[in-house]
């Protein structure tokens, strides 16, 4: 059994990690948020990154979760896993960690390699309670996790320059585009992420700390992993794998066959 599989097993088996009541979930988020650690990320030393994603069926009653491990230097896929699951927690904004973490962890538990960093299609500290799904996974696993989202849940942000690599800080507050978020940061507003342009002239992504990384290193890693497309390669591959797996699951159900596991 791999190191990550052992961690995943302990996490999923602990009922204290998975409250059923949304109010209890919010209270747990507030408690666990204090355990998020910001640590320097040496991007040059990162070799393997796991991209994580979840995709829902049209009726929202089934999902596929994927983990795709890629070599940062070559951007080749080293290992990939996709699994089918059913949501066990309601669809509530700000509480996706309780809905999506279990299937993502299940997929991670089937990896035979141990990534250096995990890249989550979602938020970390850029969250009203500073505990998005990237923080949730990071704290439970106690491993380095970066959040890279395609939209904003929470945070004031300015539009970055059009050139690839341009960025502006995201600061605490309701989701809102402001003229100059850098000025707000200089005035002492809490910085919770970055709006980062990964492709010239294309919408930015929104990077935030999940756990055991720092914002500068997280943004640099996301940029390195996005040489051609807006979304970083590990997450892009995980998203595509989720879609393929979901179609295969639907076909298997219609044929009365066992559900597939992609690995």
Protein backbone atom coordinates (compact mmCIF):
# COMPACT_ATOMS: atom_id res chain seq x y z
CA UNK A 1 0.00 0.00 0.00
CA UNK A 2 1.34 3.44 -0.94
CA UNK A 3 1.91 6.20 1.59
CA UNK A 4 -0.93 8.26 0.16
CA UNK A 5 -3.29 5.26 0.27
CA UNK A 6 -2.59 4.77 3.98
CA UNK A 7 -3.33 8.44 4.70
CA UNK A 8 -6.50 8.36 2.65
CA UNK A 9 -7.77 5.28 4.43
CA UNK A 10 -7.40 6.89 7.86
CA UNK A 11 -9.08 10.10 6.72
CA UNK A 12 -12.08 8.47 5.08
CA UNK A 13 -12.63 6.07 7.99
CA UNK A 14 -12.83 8.86 10.58
CA UNK A 15 -16.51 9.92 10.91
CA UNK A 16 -15.47 13.14 12.66
CA UNK A 17 -14.18 14.39 9.30
CA UNK A 18 -17.57 14.09 7.59
CA UNK A 19 -20.52 15.72 9.38
CA UNK A 20 -23.94 15.39 7.75
CA UNK A 21 -25.35 18.68 9.02
CA UNK A 22 -24.31 21.85 7.14
CA UNK A 23 -24.07 23.87 10.37
CA UNK A 24 -21.70 21.31 11.83
CA UNK A 25 -19.72 21.41 8.58
CA UNK A 26 -19.32 25.19 8.82
CA UNK A 27 -18.18 24.87 12.45
CA UNK A 28 -15.64 22.23 11.43
CA UNK A 29 -14.35 24.45 8.64
CA UNK A 30 -13.76 27.25 11.12
CA UNK A 31 -11.84 24.92 13.43
CA UNK A 32 -9.74 23.34 10.69
CA UNK A 33 -8.94 26.70 9.08
CA UNK A 34 -6.60 27.37 11.98
CA UNK A 35 -4.51 24.38 10.91
CA UNK A 36 -3.73 25.70 7.42
CA UNK A 37 0.01 26.36 7.14
CA UNK A 38 1.72 28.63 4.64
CA UNK A 39 5.21 27.34 3.81
CA UNK A 40 7.70 28.30 1.09
CA UNK A 41 7.30 26.21 -2.05
CA UNK A 42 10.54 25.55 -3.94
CA UNK A 43 9.04 25.20 -7.40
CA UNK A 44 12.32 24.04 -8.93
CA UNK A 45 12.33 20.99 -6.66
CA UNK A 46 8.79 19.91 -7.59
CA UNK A 47 8.83 16.94 -9.96
CA UNK A 48 5.40 15.31 -9.72
CA UNK A 49 2.09 17.18 -9.49
CA UNK A 50 -1.33 15.55 -9.18
CA UNK A 51 -4.21 17.39 -10.82
CA UNK A 52 -7.56 16.80 -9.11
CA UNK A 53 -11.04 17.32 -10.47
CA UNK A 54 -14.67 16.25 -10.03
CA UNK A 55 -17.37 16.14 -12.69
CA UNK A 56 -21.09 15.68 -12.07
CA UNK A 57 -23.72 13.89 -14.12
CA UNK A 58 -26.49 16.07 -15.55
CA UNK A 59 -28.92 15.03 -12.83
CA UNK A 60 -26.31 15.80 -10.15
CA UNK A 61 -26.79 12.39 -8.48
CA UNK A 62 -23.55 10.81 -9.66
CA UNK A 63 -20.01 12.02 -10.20
CA UNK A 64 -16.59 11.01 -11.41
CA UNK A 65 -13.41 12.05 -9.61
CA UNK A 66 -9.96 11.95 -11.15
CA UNK A 67 -6.34 12.29 -10.12
CA UNK A 68 -3.74 12.73 -12.85
CA UNK A 69 -0.05 12.76 -11.91
CA UNK A 70 2.23 14.60 -14.32
CA UNK A 71 5.96 15.23 -14.55
CA UNK A 72 6.47 18.99 -14.22
CA UNK A 73 9.51 19.02 -16.49
CA UNK A 74 8.13 17.01 -19.38
CA UNK A 75 4.37 17.44 -18.78
CA UNK A 76 3.95 13.74 -19.44
CA UNK A 77 1.27 11.78 -17.59
CA UNK A 78 2.89 9.44 -15.05
CA UNK A 79 -0.27 7.92 -13.61
CA UNK A 80 -4.01 8.54 -13.68
CA UNK A 81 -7.03 7.24 -11.80
CA UNK A 82 -10.74 7.97 -12.16
CA UNK A 83 -13.54 6.57 -10.01
CA UNK A 84 -17.33 6.76 -9.89
CA UNK A 85 -19.15 7.89 -6.77
CA UNK A 86 -22.33 9.47 -5.49
CA UNK A 87 -22.45 12.74 -3.53
CA UNK A 88 -22.91 12.21 0.20
CA UNK A 89 -23.30 15.89 1.14
CA UNK A 90 -25.68 18.57 -0.19
CA UNK A 91 -24.65 21.00 -2.94
CA UNK A 92 -24.01 24.10 -0.82
CA UNK A 93 -21.77 26.97 -1.90
CA UNK A 94 -18.75 27.24 0.35
CA UNK A 95 -19.02 23.63 1.56
CA UNK A 96 -17.84 21.79 -1.54
CA UNK A 97 -14.98 20.26 0.46
CA UNK A 98 -17.43 17.99 2.24
CA UNK A 99 -19.06 16.97 -1.04
CA UNK A 100 -16.02 16.58 -3.29
CA UNK A 101 -13.15 15.62 -0.98
CA UNK A 102 -14.31 12.02 -0.30
CA UNK A 103 -14.37 10.94 -3.99
CA UNK A 104 -11.15 12.83 -4.72
CA UNK A 105 -9.50 11.10 -1.76
CA UNK A 106 -10.78 7.76 -3.00
CA UNK A 107 -9.11 8.40 -6.35
CA UNK A 108 -5.89 9.49 -4.65
CA UNK A 109 -5.93 6.32 -2.56
CA UNK A 110 -5.54 4.27 -5.73
CA UNK A 111 -2.35 6.02 -6.85
CA UNK A 112 0.88 4.03 -6.65
CA UNK A 113 3.06 7.14 -6.95
CA UNK A 114 3.34 9.88 -4.34
CA UNK A 115 3.15 13.39 -5.87
CA UNK A 116 5.16 16.29 -4.49
CA UNK A 117 2.26 18.76 -4.81
CA UNK A 118 -1.48 18.42 -5.38
CA UNK A 119 -3.27 20.90 -7.65
CA UNK A 120 -6.97 21.27 -6.98
CA UNK A 121 -9.57 22.71 -9.34
CA UNK A 122 -11.00 24.97 -6.64
CA UNK A 123 -10.27 27.45 -3.90
CA UNK A 124 -7.98 27.44 -0.93
CA UNK A 125 -7.72 30.55 1.25
CA UNK A 126 -9.82 32.47 -1.30
CA UNK A 127 -12.92 31.43 0.61
CA UNK A 128 -15.20 33.24 3.09
CA UNK A 129 -13.92 31.07 5.96
CA UNK A 130 -10.42 30.66 4.46
CA UNK A 131 -11.09 26.95 4.00
CA UNK A 132 -11.94 26.00 0.45
CA UNK A 133 -11.59 22.49 -0.92
CA UNK A 134 -7.83 22.93 -1.51
CA UNK A 135 -7.35 23.76 2.18
CA UNK A 136 -9.69 20.93 3.16
CA UNK A 137 -7.70 18.32 1.26
CA UNK A 138 -4.39 19.81 2.32
CA UNK A 139 -5.14 19.87 6.04
CA UNK A 140 -6.61 16.36 6.07
CA UNK A 141 -3.66 14.94 4.13
CA UNK A 142 -1.09 17.32 5.65
CA UNK A 143 0.47 17.60 2.20
CA UNK A 144 1.19 20.56 -0.13
CA UNK A 145 -1.96 21.59 -2.04
CA UNK A 146 -2.53 24.51 -4.41
CA UNK A 147 -5.94 25.86 -5.39
CA UNK A 148 -6.46 27.00 -8.99
CA UNK A 149 -10.03 28.00 -9.86
CA UNK A 150 -11.70 29.18 -13.07
CA UNK A 151 -14.09 31.56 -11.30
CA UNK A 152 -14.25 33.54 -8.07
CA UNK A 153 -16.24 32.56 -5.01
CA UNK A 154 -14.89 35.25 -2.70
CA UNK A 155 -12.43 38.10 -2.99
CA UNK A 156 -12.00 41.55 -4.48
CA UNK A 157 -9.71 41.48 -7.50
CA UNK A 158 -8.54 43.73 -10.30
CA UNK A 159 -8.17 42.63 -13.92
CA UNK A 160 -4.52 41.72 -14.58
CA UNK A 161 -2.60 42.90 -17.63
CA UNK A 162 -3.23 41.12 -20.93
CA UNK A 163 0.21 39.48 -21.08
CA UNK A 164 0.85 35.93 -19.88
CA UNK A 165 2.22 36.02 -16.33
CA UNK A 166 0.45 39.26 -15.38
CA UNK A 167 -1.32 39.12 -12.04
CA UNK A 168 -3.14 41.14 -9.43
CA UNK A 169 -3.73 40.28 -5.77
CA UNK A 170 -7.08 39.04 -4.51
CA UNK A 171 -8.04 40.56 -1.18
CA UNK A 172 -10.67 39.63 1.37
CA UNK A 173 -14.22 40.71 0.55
CA UNK A 174 -17.20 39.75 -1.53
CA UNK A 175 -16.46 38.65 -5.08
CA UNK A 176 -16.03 41.92 -6.94
CA UNK A 177 -13.84 43.36 -9.69
CA UNK A 178 -12.22 46.55 -8.41
CA UNK A 179 -10.01 49.13 -10.14
CA UNK A 180 -6.87 48.49 -8.07
CA UNK A 181 -6.66 45.51 -5.72
CA UNK A 182 -2.92 46.10 -5.29
CA UNK A 183 -3.72 49.41 -3.60
CA UNK A 184 -6.13 47.64 -1.26
CA UNK A 185 -3.39 45.16 -0.39
CA UNK A 186 -0.98 48.00 0.30
CA UNK A 187 -3.58 49.52 2.61
CA UNK A 188 -3.55 46.35 4.70
CA UNK A 189 -6.39 44.31 3.23
CA UNK A 190 -5.78 40.59 3.69
CA UNK A 191 -4.35 39.01 0.54
CA UNK A 192 -6.05 35.66 -0.11
CA UNK A 193 -4.96 34.81 -3.66
CA UNK A 194 -3.96 36.00 -7.11
CA UNK A 195 -5.76 36.60 -10.36
CA UNK A 196 -3.18 35.15 -12.77
CA UNK A 197 -3.10 35.44 -16.56
CA UNK A 198 -1.81 32.11 -17.86
CA UNK A 199 -2.43 32.92 -21.54
CA UNK A 200 -2.15 36.28 -23.26
CA UNK A 201 -5.59 37.73 -23.91
CA UNK A 202 -7.43 34.86 -22.19
CA UNK A 203 -9.36 34.97 -18.91
CA UNK A 204 -7.18 34.56 -15.81
CA UNK A 205 -7.29 31.75 -13.27
CA UNK A 206 -7.53 32.36 -9.54
CA UNK A 207 -4.72 30.89 -7.47
CA UNK A 208 -4.72 30.50 -3.71
CA UNK A 209 -2.86 28.64 -0.99
CA UNK A 210 -4.35 25.31 0.01
CA UNK A 211 -1.84 24.03 2.55
CA UNK A 212 1.94 23.92 3.01
CA UNK A 213 2.67 26.20 0.04
CA UNK A 214 3.05 29.96 -0.33
CA UNK A 215 1.17 32.18 -2.77
CA UNK A 216 4.19 33.19 -4.83
CA UNK A 217 5.31 29.60 -5.28
CA UNK A 218 1.77 28.42 -5.97
CA UNK A 219 1.31 31.02 -8.72
CA UNK A 220 4.70 30.20 -10.26
CA UNK A 221 3.86 26.49 -10.32
CA UNK A 222 0.47 27.11 -11.95
CA UNK A 223 2.11 29.29 -14.60
CA UNK A 224 4.74 26.65 -15.38
CA UNK A 225 2.04 24.04 -15.73
CA UNK A 226 0.07 26.19 -18.20
CA UNK A 227 2.35 26.55 -21.25
CA UNK A 228 -0.45 26.34 -23.85
CA UNK A 229 -3.84 26.55 -22.20
CA UNK A 230 -5.59 28.66 -19.60
CA UNK A 231 -6.04 25.75 -17.16
CA UNK A 232 -2.88 24.07 -15.80
CA UNK A 233 -2.13 20.76 -17.51
CA UNK A 234 -2.69 18.37 -14.56
CA UNK A 235 -6.16 19.81 -13.90
CA UNK A 236 -6.96 19.96 -17.61
CA UNK A 237 -6.09 16.28 -17.97
CA UNK A 238 -8.08 15.41 -14.84
CA UNK A 239 -11.09 17.29 -16.20
CA UNK A 240 -10.89 15.44 -19.52
CA UNK A 241 -10.47 12.09 -17.75
CA UNK A 242 -13.55 12.84 -15.62
CA UNK A 243 -15.60 13.44 -18.75
CA UNK A 244 -14.40 10.24 -20.41
CA UNK A 245 -15.03 8.25 -17.24
CA UNK A 246 -18.53 9.67 -16.80
CA UNK A 247 -19.46 8.59 -20.34
CA UNK A 248 -18.05 5.12 -19.70
CA UNK A 249 -20.01 4.84 -16.45
CA UNK A 250 -23.23 5.82 -18.19
CA UNK A 251 -22.61 3.25 -20.93
CA UNK A 252 -21.86 0.55 -18.34
CA UNK A 253 -25.05 1.31 -16.43
CA UNK A 254 -27.14 1.13 -19.59
CA UNK A 255 -25.50 -2.20 -20.45
CA UNK A 256 -25.88 -3.57 -16.93
CA UNK A 257 -22.12 -3.97 -16.54
CA UNK A 258 -19.77 -3.24 -13.62
CA UNK A 259 -18.74 0.40 -13.26
CA UNK A 260 -15.30 1.10 -14.72
CA UNK A 261 -12.23 2.32 -12.85
CA UNK A 262 -9.73 4.16 -15.04
CA UNK A 263 -6.10 3.72 -14.03
